[in-house]
């Protein structure tokens, strides 16, 4: 499933996803709290189908089991989605979607050097692919 995330163009991805090396000992806690706060503002996963697609995507990552994923409420699913977007953005060398060099991103993705699920359409909209 492709989710249009163009509304997040200027979102500060660093606050939602950074390492302990970059943000100190509380990086995990701080980025999760920032993701939850951002999920209060915007919920792109706003249908049962979109929420389930993210749950399936998260489960396929191997980080959580079925019962853990099913226990998440809508805001937690949206927070994880935002955090995942931020992580993919930063993996492409940018701190916001608007700062991504899309030609370079496509080259990195094609070469297997970035596992990002972000892509830009010919019309300029930005999407996140929730799938395997």
Protein backbone atom coordinates (compact mmCIF):
# COMPACT_ATOMS: atom_id res chain seq x y z
CA UNK A 1 0.00 0.00 0.00
CA UNK A 2 1.29 3.44 -0.93
CA UNK A 3 0.65 6.23 1.58
CA UNK A 4 0.89 9.83 0.40
CA UNK A 5 3.12 11.63 2.92
CA UNK A 6 3.56 14.91 1.04
CA UNK A 7 1.96 16.70 4.01
CA UNK A 8 5.15 15.91 5.97
CA UNK A 9 7.43 17.74 3.54
CA UNK A 10 8.95 20.06 6.16
CA UNK A 11 8.76 17.71 9.18
CA UNK A 12 12.00 17.72 11.18
CA UNK A 13 13.00 14.08 10.88
CA UNK A 14 15.95 14.35 13.26
CA UNK A 15 13.66 14.86 16.26
CA UNK A 16 11.77 11.66 15.38
CA UNK A 17 14.72 9.46 14.49
CA UNK A 18 18.33 9.68 15.57
CA UNK A 19 20.89 7.50 17.25
CA UNK A 20 22.27 7.52 20.75
CA UNK A 21 25.53 8.74 19.24
CA UNK A 22 23.74 11.76 17.77
CA UNK A 23 21.28 12.50 20.56
CA UNK A 24 22.74 11.09 23.73
CA UNK A 25 21.71 8.43 26.18
CA UNK A 26 17.97 9.18 25.97
CA UNK A 27 17.76 9.20 22.16
CA UNK A 28 15.34 6.27 21.98
CA UNK A 29 13.00 7.70 24.59
CA UNK A 30 13.18 11.21 23.13
CA UNK A 31 12.55 10.17 19.54
CA UNK A 32 9.61 7.97 20.56
CA UNK A 33 8.07 10.79 22.59
CA UNK A 34 8.56 13.21 19.66
CA UNK A 35 6.93 10.70 17.31
CA UNK A 36 3.97 10.29 19.64
CA UNK A 37 3.57 14.07 19.91
CA UNK A 38 3.68 14.43 16.11
CA UNK A 39 1.08 11.64 15.81
CA UNK A 40 -1.23 13.80 17.93
CA UNK A 41 -0.98 16.50 15.23
CA UNK A 42 -1.25 14.37 12.10
CA UNK A 43 -2.59 10.90 11.44
CA UNK A 44 -1.92 9.74 7.91
CA UNK A 45 -3.03 6.21 8.74
CA UNK A 46 -6.69 7.11 9.08
CA UNK A 47 -8.52 4.00 7.87
CA UNK A 48 -8.61 0.45 9.22
CA UNK A 49 -6.87 -0.72 6.01
CA UNK A 50 -3.98 1.73 6.39
CA UNK A 51 -3.56 0.90 10.07
CA UNK A 52 -3.51 -2.82 9.30
CA UNK A 53 -1.01 -2.29 6.48
CA UNK A 54 1.36 -0.60 8.96
CA UNK A 55 0.83 -3.34 11.52
CA UNK A 56 1.64 -5.96 8.87
CA UNK A 57 4.66 -3.96 7.74
CA UNK A 58 5.99 -3.62 11.29
CA UNK A 59 5.42 -7.29 12.00
CA UNK A 60 7.25 -8.30 8.80
CA UNK A 61 10.29 -6.36 10.05
CA UNK A 62 10.78 -8.99 12.74
CA UNK A 63 10.84 -6.46 15.56
CA UNK A 64 7.48 -7.39 17.07
CA UNK A 65 5.23 -10.41 17.30
CA UNK A 66 1.56 -10.56 16.33
CA UNK A 67 0.18 -9.95 19.82
CA UNK A 68 2.43 -6.92 20.36
CA UNK A 69 1.45 -5.37 17.03
CA UNK A 70 -2.25 -6.01 17.58
CA UNK A 71 -2.09 -4.34 21.01
CA UNK A 72 -1.02 -0.98 19.56
CA UNK A 73 -3.65 1.74 19.48
CA UNK A 74 -4.13 4.01 16.46
CA UNK A 75 -1.88 6.76 17.82
CA UNK A 76 0.94 4.30 18.50
CA UNK A 77 0.67 2.89 14.97
CA UNK A 78 0.76 6.41 13.53
CA UNK A 79 3.71 7.36 15.76
CA UNK A 80 5.69 4.34 14.58
CA UNK A 81 4.79 5.18 10.98
CA UNK A 82 6.10 8.73 11.41
CA UNK A 83 9.25 7.45 13.09
CA UNK A 84 9.82 4.97 10.27
CA UNK A 85 9.40 7.74 7.67
CA UNK A 86 11.90 9.88 9.58
CA UNK A 87 14.38 7.03 9.75
CA UNK A 88 14.12 6.36 6.03
CA UNK A 89 14.52 10.07 5.29
CA UNK A 90 17.65 10.27 7.41
CA UNK A 91 19.00 7.11 5.80
CA UNK A 92 18.82 9.05 2.52
CA UNK A 93 21.01 11.78 4.05
CA UNK A 94 18.36 14.39 4.80
CA UNK A 95 16.64 15.78 7.87
CA UNK A 96 13.38 16.55 6.05
CA UNK A 97 11.58 15.16 3.03
CA UNK A 98 12.04 18.46 1.19
CA UNK A 99 15.83 18.14 1.55
CA UNK A 100 16.08 14.72 -0.15
CA UNK A 101 18.04 14.59 -3.39
CA UNK A 102 15.62 12.29 -5.21
CA UNK A 103 18.00 11.35 -8.01
CA UNK A 104 20.63 10.31 -5.48
CA UNK A 105 17.96 8.55 -3.40
CA UNK A 106 16.87 6.46 -6.38
CA UNK A 107 20.49 5.54 -7.11
CA UNK A 108 21.08 4.49 -3.49
CA UNK A 109 17.87 2.46 -3.43
CA UNK A 110 18.59 0.78 -6.77
CA UNK A 111 22.11 -0.11 -5.64
CA UNK A 112 20.79 -1.61 -2.40
CA UNK A 113 22.65 0.99 -0.32
CA UNK A 114 19.48 2.43 1.25
CA UNK A 115 16.50 0.36 2.26
CA UNK A 116 14.22 3.38 2.24
CA UNK A 117 10.56 2.91 1.30
CA UNK A 118 10.22 6.55 0.25
CA UNK A 119 9.64 7.60 -3.34
CA UNK A 120 8.51 10.64 -5.26
CA UNK A 121 5.98 10.51 -8.06
CA UNK A 122 6.42 12.28 -11.38
CA UNK A 123 3.86 14.82 -10.11
CA UNK A 124 6.09 15.60 -7.11
CA UNK A 125 4.04 13.88 -4.39
CA UNK A 126 5.99 11.83 -1.86
CA UNK A 127 4.90 8.35 -0.82
CA UNK A 128 5.87 5.67 1.66
CA UNK A 129 5.43 2.10 0.49
CA UNK A 130 4.01 -0.17 3.19
CA UNK A 131 4.88 -3.59 1.85
CA UNK A 132 7.59 -6.17 1.53
